[in-house]
Amino acid sequence: MDWTVWRDQFPILQRKTYLNTCSLTPLGRFHRAAQERFFAHWDDLGASAWYTHWGAALDELRGKVARLLHAEREEIALAPSISGALSTTMSSVPLQRHSVVASDMDFPTLTYHFMAKPHIDVRFVRGDGISVPLQAYIRAMDPSVSVLAMSQVWYQSGGIAPVPELAKLARQQVALAVCDGYQGAGQLPTDPRALGCDVYLTGGLKWLLGGTGIAFVWVRKERLAELRPRVTGWFGNPRMFDFDSTKLDFWPDARRFEAGTPALAAVHMASAGLDVVLQIGPEKLRERTVALDNDLVDRLHAKGFKLRTPEPPEQRAGIVAVDWPDDPGAAVAKLAQQGIIVDARPGRVRISPYFYNDEEDNARCVEALVRARG
């Protein structure tokens, strides 16, 4: 594939070296076109667009997510964020055993959801800043655990978690396997069923090129009947347009985990981004990301930088973390002054090339890091 043709789709690349997809996808021309279509329908039809265009747009988006995840449409629900998705899906889990296992390397949203509930004991397994050993999870599991919460990719390091092994461990203890795939889906070919997950969460903000305000929920269809949410809204009701405030029913499929009125602008952005991801294909995106990551790692090693990312390419996703114990935020600010957009996390500078980047972007970034290091 000629990857250079994609660069023109992202205007920021004409002005900046953008290497921060793991935080936020750059704005694409296809995003603006999708928004213009949404605005046109809103301007022309007003609320009646729900019946002519917007309801279909929601179903179309669910279908695209299903294609991405090798899933059935009935297993997909839409949410405004991972926080919202966790609120609806986890409200349906009795948690009668009151224990959840998670990692100190998971993104805070995943752990905060459970920590905010005083009746839940959150058991943290500890990582080394790069990965978390499987044995740590094994030691933490026992029959009191109701949920094993995991990341597909550790957001700090880009390390790929052993999700199939963790999901198997959850099944052995009759616990729910819940996976935060926000840093995985798109750049990694992903089939939650094959991974062994019960609930898989991702969204449009990063590698799926969708922007803010939209997340996606996959729930294994065999678990749907037993999962009745206690947090809901009118979109979770199949007879929503009956407007009967006295009767609550739930969709028989994953739409039971939808709540309030979706943000239609975000839906259109996400749908346009998924068109690009599906057109290229996660397998090719993975190949391209690995090639760019390998190039970046080689350049960083050649300049003497220490990495906080797994060295084997098969163990890392699209994030390369550079060890930067002394004020990584200041280094990121110095690069931004030179038009190079990366990000900082505690003790590291985080760089994430994607398919629209090239080796020249990597080289420019590494040379800027050398200057910032002094």
Protein backbone atom coordinates (compact mmCIF):
# COMPACT_ATOMS: atom_id res chain seq x y z
CA MET A 1 0.00 0.00 0.00
CA ASP A 2 1.14 3.53 -0.78
CA TRP A 3 0.83 5.01 2.71
CA THR A 4 1.76 8.50 1.54
CA VAL A 5 -1.69 9.02 0.00
CA TRP A 6 -3.23 9.06 3.47
CA ARG A 7 -1.19 11.99 4.72
CA ASP A 8 -3.26 14.49 2.79
CA GLN A 9 -6.35 13.30 4.67
CA PHE A 10 -4.98 14.82 7.88
CA PRO A 11 -4.29 18.56 7.47
CA ILE A 12 -2.30 18.80 10.70
CA LEU A 13 0.43 16.69 9.07
CA GLN A 14 1.12 19.54 6.66
CA ARG A 15 2.08 21.76 9.60
CA LYS A 16 3.09 19.46 12.43
CA THR A 17 4.81 16.18 13.16
CA TYR A 18 1.94 14.43 14.87
CA LEU A 19 2.97 11.32 16.84
CA ASN A 20 0.26 11.18 19.48
CA THR A 21 -2.53 8.95 18.20
CA CYS A 22 -2.49 7.01 21.49
CA SER A 23 -3.95 10.16 23.08
CA LEU A 24 -6.14 11.56 20.29
CA THR A 25 -6.51 10.87 16.59
CA PRO A 26 -5.71 13.81 14.32
CA LEU A 27 -8.65 15.50 12.63
CA GLY A 28 -9.24 14.17 9.13
CA ARG A 29 -10.93 15.61 6.07
CA PHE A 30 -13.37 12.68 6.24
CA HIS A 31 -14.34 13.83 9.76
CA ARG A 32 -15.29 17.27 8.45
CA ALA A 33 -17.27 15.74 5.59
CA ALA A 34 -19.19 13.52 8.02
CA GLN A 35 -19.97 16.48 10.25
CA GLU A 36 -21.21 18.50 7.31
CA ARG A 37 -23.62 15.68 6.41
CA PHE A 38 -24.86 15.61 9.99
CA PHE A 39 -25.30 19.38 10.07
CA ALA A 40 -27.13 19.32 6.74
CA HIS A 41 -29.66 16.77 8.02
CA TRP A 42 -30.11 18.69 11.26
CA ASP A 43 -30.58 21.98 9.38
CA ASP A 44 -32.95 20.51 6.81
CA LEU A 45 -35.01 18.10 8.91
CA GLY A 46 -34.58 19.02 12.56
CA ALA A 47 -35.86 16.37 14.98
CA SER A 48 -37.51 14.38 12.17
CA ALA A 49 -34.01 13.34 11.08
CA TRP A 50 -34.21 10.73 13.85
CA TYR A 51 -36.72 8.81 11.74
CA THR A 52 -35.10 9.34 8.35
CA HIS A 53 -31.33 9.30 9.01
CA TRP A 54 -30.09 9.26 12.58
CA GLY A 55 -31.63 6.02 13.80
CA ALA A 56 -30.11 4.29 10.79
CA ALA A 57 -26.76 5.97 11.50
CA LEU A 58 -26.68 4.38 14.96
CA ASP A 59 -27.42 0.93 13.56
CA GLU A 60 -24.86 1.42 10.79
CA LEU A 61 -22.20 2.29 13.36
CA ARG A 62 -23.00 -0.79 15.43
CA GLY A 63 -22.60 -2.84 12.27
CA LYS A 64 -19.17 -1.36 11.52
CA VAL A 65 -17.98 -2.08 15.05
CA ALA A 66 -19.25 -5.64 14.68
CA ARG A 67 -17.24 -6.04 11.46
CA LEU A 68 -14.13 -4.69 13.15
CA LEU A 69 -14.45 -7.10 16.08
CA HIS A 70 -15.59 -10.15 14.06
CA ALA A 71 -18.77 -10.00 16.12
CA GLU A 72 -22.50 -10.04 15.62
CA ARG A 73 -24.35 -6.74 15.52
CA GLU A 74 -26.51 -7.90 18.42
CA GLU A 75 -23.39 -8.00 20.62
CA ILE A 76 -22.62 -4.28 20.13
CA ALA A 77 -23.82 -1.27 22.10
CA LEU A 78 -22.87 2.40 21.93
CA ALA A 79 -21.85 4.53 24.91
CA PRO A 80 -20.60 8.10 25.44
CA SER A 81 -17.33 6.95 27.06
CA ILE A 82 -15.65 3.97 28.69
CA SER A 83 -16.86 5.37 32.02
CA GLY A 84 -20.43 5.27 30.75
CA ALA A 85 -19.95 1.81 29.26
CA LEU A 86 -18.62 0.46 32.56
CA SER A 87 -21.50 2.07 34.46
CA THR A 88 -24.17 0.26 32.45
CA THR A 89 -22.47 -3.09 31.90
CA MET A 90 -21.05 -3.51 35.40
CA SER A 91 -24.33 -2.45 37.01
CA SER A 92 -25.68 -5.77 35.76
CA VAL A 93 -23.02 -7.84 37.57
CA PRO A 94 -24.19 -8.86 41.05
CA LEU A 95 -20.62 -8.71 42.44
CA GLN A 96 -21.91 -10.85 45.26
CA ARG A 97 -18.37 -11.98 45.95
CA HIS A 98 -17.25 -8.37 46.29
CA SER A 99 -13.75 -8.71 44.81
CA VAL A 100 -12.29 -7.36 41.58
CA VAL A 101 -8.76 -7.98 40.33
CA ALA A 102 -7.08 -5.24 38.28
CA SER A 103 -3.58 -3.89 37.63
CA ASP A 104 -1.84 -0.70 38.71
CA MET A 105 -0.96 -0.31 35.01
CA ASP A 106 -4.57 -0.17 33.85
CA PHE A 107 -5.93 3.21 32.83
CA PRO A 108 -7.52 4.86 35.89
CA THR A 109 -11.05 4.83 34.44
CA LEU A 110 -11.08 1.04 34.62
CA THR A 111 -10.05 0.85 38.26
CA TYR A 112 -11.83 3.97 39.50
CA HIS A 113 -15.17 2.51 38.47
CA PHE A 114 -14.79 -0.29 41.01
CA MET A 115 -12.87 1.69 43.64
CA ALA A 116 -15.77 4.16 43.97
CA LYS A 117 -17.99 1.36 45.31
CA PRO A 118 -17.30 0.84 49.02
CA HIS A 119 -18.56 -2.76 49.04
CA ILE A 120 -15.99 -3.86 46.43
CA ASP A 121 -12.49 -5.00 47.31
CA VAL A 122 -10.18 -4.04 44.41
CA ARG A 123 -7.07 -6.20 44.44
CA PHE A 124 -4.22 -4.61 42.53
CA VAL A 125 -1.55 -6.68 40.87
CA ARG A 126 1.66 -4.74 40.38
CA GLY A 127 3.61 -4.20 37.20
CA ASP A 128 7.11 -2.94 36.52
CA GLY A 129 6.04 0.01 34.39
CA ILE A 130 6.34 -2.06 31.22
CA SER A 131 4.17 -5.12 31.81
CA VAL A 132 2.47 -7.18 34.50
CA PRO A 133 3.50 -10.81 34.97
CA LEU A 134 0.78 -13.41 34.53
CA GLN A 135 1.83 -15.03 37.79
CA ALA A 136 0.80 -11.88 39.67
CA TYR A 137 -2.76 -12.30 38.40
CA ILE A 138 -2.76 -15.99 39.23
CA ARG A 139 -1.76 -15.24 42.83
CA ALA A 140 -4.54 -12.65 43.16
CA MET A 141 -7.36 -14.87 41.94
CA ASP A 142 -9.58 -16.95 44.20
CA PRO A 143 -13.29 -17.88 44.41
CA SER A 144 -14.15 -14.49 45.94
CA VAL A 145 -13.34 -12.66 42.68
CA SER A 146 -16.32 -11.65 40.52
CA VAL A 147 -14.50 -9.63 37.83
CA LEU A 148 -11.03 -9.76 36.35
CA ALA A 149 -10.54 -6.33 34.75
CA MET A 150 -7.70 -6.08 32.25
CA SER A 151 -6.18 -3.92 29.54
CA GLN A 152 -5.56 -5.19 26.05
CA VAL A 153 -2.60 -2.81 25.78
CA TRP A 154 -0.97 -1.09 28.76
CA TYR A 155 -1.33 2.60 28.03
CA GLN A 156 1.92 3.63 29.69
CA SER A 157 4.26 1.31 27.81
CA GLY A 158 2.45 -0.04 24.76
CA GLY A 159 2.95 -3.59 26.02
CA ILE A 160 0.36 -6.11 24.86
CA ALA A 161 -1.27 -7.88 27.79
CA PRO A 162 -1.79 -11.67 27.78
CA VAL A 163 -5.55 -11.30 27.41
CA PRO A 164 -6.31 -14.94 26.36
CA GLU A 165 -4.47 -16.27 29.41
CA LEU A 166 -6.16 -13.75 31.71
CA ALA A 167 -9.59 -14.53 30.30
CA LYS A 168 -8.97 -18.25 30.82
CA LEU A 169 -7.96 -17.51 34.40
CA ALA A 170 -11.21 -15.61 34.91
CA ARG A 171 -13.26 -18.50 33.54
CA GLN A 172 -11.55 -20.93 35.90
CA GLN A 173 -12.80 -18.85 38.84
CA VAL A 174 -16.22 -18.22 37.24
CA ALA A 175 -15.38 -14.50 37.11
CA LEU A 176 -16.33 -12.07 34.37
CA ALA A 177 -13.46 -11.21 31.99
CA VAL A 178 -13.71 -7.47 31.27
CA CYS A 179 -11.19 -5.98 28.83
CA ASP A 180 -10.42 -2.31 28.20
CA GLY A 181 -9.37 -2.36 24.54
CA TYR A 182 -9.12 1.39 23.96
CA GLN A 183 -5.39 1.19 23.14
CA GLY A 184 -5.83 -1.99 21.10
CA ALA A 185 -8.73 -2.01 18.65
CA GLY A 186 -7.81 -0.62 15.26
CA GLN A 187 -4.05 -1.03 15.39
CA LEU A 188 -4.35 -4.66 16.60
CA PRO A 189 -6.56 -7.21 14.85
CA THR A 190 -9.09 -8.00 17.58
CA ASP A 191 -11.72 -10.68 18.11
CA PRO A 192 -13.01 -10.45 21.71
CA ARG A 193 -14.67 -13.86 21.47
CA ALA A 194 -11.42 -15.50 20.38
CA LEU A 195 -9.59 -13.64 23.17
CA GLY A 196 -12.01 -15.18 25.67
CA CYS A 197 -13.53 -11.91 26.90
CA ASP A 198 -17.04 -11.56 28.29
CA VAL A 199 -17.12 -7.75 27.96
CA TYR A 200 -14.83 -5.75 25.68
CA LEU A 201 -14.75 -1.95 25.65
CA THR A 202 -13.17 0.42 23.16
CA GLY A 203 -13.90 3.75 21.51
CA GLY A 204 -13.22 6.29 18.81
CA LEU A 205 -10.82 8.62 20.56
CA LYS A 206 -7.56 6.99 19.46
CA TRP A 207 -6.71 4.25 16.96
CA LEU A 208 -10.24 3.99 15.55
CA LEU A 209 -10.05 7.56 14.20
CA GLY A 210 -13.35 8.66 15.66
CA GLY A 211 -12.80 11.51 18.07
CA THR A 212 -14.33 12.17 21.46
CA GLY A 213 -17.72 11.32 22.94
CA ILE A 214 -18.20 7.78 21.63
CA ALA A 215 -17.34 4.34 22.96
CA PHE A 216 -18.24 0.81 21.94
CA VAL A 217 -19.31 -2.16 24.03
CA TRP A 218 -19.09 -5.81 22.99
CA VAL A 219 -20.84 -8.33 25.23
CA ARG A 220 -20.63 -12.06 24.59
CA LYS A 221 -24.11 -12.99 23.42
CA GLU A 222 -24.27 -16.03 25.68
CA ARG A 223 -23.99 -13.73 28.72
CA LEU A 224 -26.65 -11.22 27.66
CA ALA A 225 -29.65 -12.88 29.22
CA GLU A 226 -28.08 -12.89 32.70
CA LEU A 227 -26.87 -9.29 32.56
CA ARG A 228 -29.73 -6.94 33.42
CA PRO A 229 -28.45 -3.38 33.89
CA ARG A 230 -29.35 -1.30 36.93
CA VAL A 231 -28.13 1.86 35.23
CA THR A 232 -30.12 2.63 32.10
CA GLY A 233 -31.97 5.21 30.04
CA TRP A 234 -34.62 5.39 27.39
CA PHE A 235 -32.39 4.04 24.62
CA GLY A 236 -32.10 0.78 26.57
CA ASN A 237 -35.83 0.16 26.03
CA PRO A 238 -36.95 -1.46 22.74
CA ARG A 239 -40.26 0.43 22.97
CA MET A 240 -38.65 3.76 23.65
CA PHE A 241 -41.06 5.68 21.41
CA ASP A 242 -44.05 4.42 23.40
CA PHE A 243 -42.97 6.97 26.02
CA ASP A 244 -44.44 4.85 28.81
CA SER A 245 -42.77 6.01 32.03
CA THR A 246 -44.43 3.21 34.02
CA LYS A 247 -42.99 0.20 32.16
CA LEU A 248 -39.32 -0.70 31.77
CA ASP A 249 -38.20 -3.35 29.31
CA PHE A 250 -34.75 -4.09 27.95
CA TRP A 251 -33.53 -4.93 24.50
CA PRO A 252 -32.81 -8.66 24.15
CA ASP A 253 -29.41 -7.78 22.70
CA ALA A 254 -26.48 -5.58 23.76
CA ARG A 255 -28.49 -2.41 23.18
CA ARG A 256 -29.82 -2.98 26.69
CA PHE A 257 -26.56 -1.33 27.81
CA GLU A 258 -27.31 1.91 25.98
CA ALA A 259 -28.70 4.72 28.11
CA GLY A 260 -29.39 8.32 27.10
CA THR A 261 -29.63 10.04 23.74
CA PRO A 262 -26.38 9.50 21.79
CA ALA A 263 -24.22 12.41 20.68
CA LEU A 264 -24.96 12.34 16.96
CA ALA A 265 -21.96 14.45 15.99
CA ALA A 266 -19.68 11.90 17.68
CA VAL A 267 -21.55 9.04 16.01
CA HIS A 268 -20.92 10.52 12.56
CA MET A 269 -17.23 11.14 13.35
CA ALA A 270 -16.81 7.57 14.60
CA SER A 271 -18.54 6.09 11.60
CA ALA A 272 -16.28 8.01 9.20
CA GLY A 273 -13.18 6.91 11.10
CA LEU A 274 -14.22 3.27 11.06
CA ASP A 275 -14.68 3.48 7.31
CA VAL A 276 -10.97 4.25 7.02
CA VAL A 277 -9.92 1.55 9.49
CA LEU A 278 -12.05 -1.06 7.74
CA GLN A 279 -10.90 0.04 4.30
CA ILE A 280 -7.25 -0.45 5.22
CA GLY A 281 -7.86 -3.38 7.56
CA PRO A 282 -6.44 -4.03 11.04
CA GLU A 283 -3.93 -6.57 9.69
CA LYS A 284 -2.32 -4.01 7.40
CA LEU A 285 -2.53 -1.36 10.10
CA ARG A 286 -0.69 -3.71 12.44
CA GLU A 287 2.03 -4.34 9.86
CA ARG A 288 2.49 -0.63 9.24
CA THR A 289 2.54 0.24 12.94
CA VAL A 290 5.11 -2.47 13.71
CA ALA A 291 7.35 -1.18 10.91
CA LEU A 292 7.17 2.40 12.16
CA ASP A 293 7.65 1.34 15.78
CA ASN A 294 10.71 -0.75 14.87
CA ASP A 295 12.21 2.18 13.00
CA LEU A 296 11.55 4.51 15.93
CA VAL A 297 13.00 2.05 18.47
CA ASP A 298 16.14 1.59 16.38
CA ARG A 299 16.65 5.35 16.11
CA LEU A 300 16.14 5.84 19.85
CA HIS A 301 18.57 3.06 20.71
CA ALA A 302 21.14 4.53 18.35
CA LYS A 303 20.96 7.80 20.31
CA GLY A 304 21.37 6.05 23.65
CA PHE A 305 17.80 6.39 24.95
CA LYS A 306 16.43 3.89 27.44
CA LEU A 307 12.95 2.64 26.64
CA ARG A 308 10.12 1.65 28.93
CA THR A 309 8.46 -0.43 26.24
CA PRO A 310 8.80 -4.17 25.52
CA GLU A 311 11.69 -4.82 23.16
CA PRO A 312 10.21 -7.74 21.13
CA PRO A 313 7.96 -6.25 18.42
CA GLU A 314 5.33 -8.93 18.95
CA GLN A 315 4.94 -7.82 22.57
CA ARG A 316 4.28 -4.13 21.92
CA ALA A 317 1.53 -2.18 20.25
CA GLY A 318 1.79 1.30 18.74
CA ILE A 319 3.22 3.11 21.76
CA VAL A 320 6.95 3.68 22.32
CA ALA A 321 7.73 5.01 25.80
CA VAL A 322 11.06 6.76 26.34
CA ASP A 323 12.44 6.77 29.88
CA TRP A 324 12.44 10.41 31.03
CA PRO A 325 12.53 10.60 34.83
CA ASP A 326 13.16 14.35 35.01
CA ASP A 327 10.05 16.32 34.01
CA PRO A 328 8.81 14.58 30.85
CA GLY A 329 6.15 17.28 30.50
CA ALA A 330 8.86 19.89 29.94
CA ALA A 331 10.37 17.74 27.18
CA VAL A 332 6.97 17.40 25.51
CA ALA A 333 6.54 21.18 25.67
CA LYS A 334 9.94 21.71 24.03
CA LEU A 335 8.99 19.39 21.20
CA ALA A 336 5.66 21.15 20.78
CA GLN A 337 7.50 24.43 20.27
CA GLN A 338 9.16 22.75 17.29
CA GLY A 339 5.85 21.50 15.91
CA ILE A 340 6.30 17.93 17.16
CA ILE A 341 3.29 16.57 19.08
CA VAL A 342 3.95 13.74 21.53
CA ASP A 343 2.78 13.19 25.10
CA ALA A 344 4.04 12.59 28.64
CA ARG A 345 3.16 10.10 31.32
CA PRO A 346 4.88 9.77 34.69
CA GLY A 347 8.57 9.15 34.07
CA ARG A 348 8.31 8.84 30.31
CA VAL A 349 7.74 10.53 26.99
CA ARG A 350 5.17 8.64 24.94
CA ILE A 351 5.36 8.48 21.12
CA SER A 352 2.80 6.73 18.93
CA PRO A 353 3.23 6.64 15.15
CA TYR A 354 0.32 5.41 13.04
CA PHE A 355 -0.19 4.57 9.38
CA TYR A 356 -0.18 8.20 8.20
CA ASN A 357 3.24 8.83 9.74
CA ASP A 358 6.57 8.02 8.11
CA GLU A 359 10.23 7.49 8.94
CA GLU A 360 10.98 11.19 8.51
CA ASP A 361 8.51 11.94 11.32
CA ASN A 362 10.37 9.48 13.53
CA ALA A 363 13.75 10.98 12.68
CA ARG A 364 12.56 14.53 13.36
CA CYS A 365 11.15 13.46 16.73
CA VAL A 366 14.29 11.62 17.84
CA GLU A 367 16.57 14.52 16.93
CA ALA A 368 14.31 16.87 18.89
CA LEU A 369 14.49 14.53 21.90
CA VAL A 370 18.29 14.58 21.69
CA ARG A 371 18.21 18.39 21.86
CA ALA A 372 15.69 18.33 24.73
CA ARG A 373 17.90 15.92 26.65
CA GLY A 374 20.82 18.36 26.34
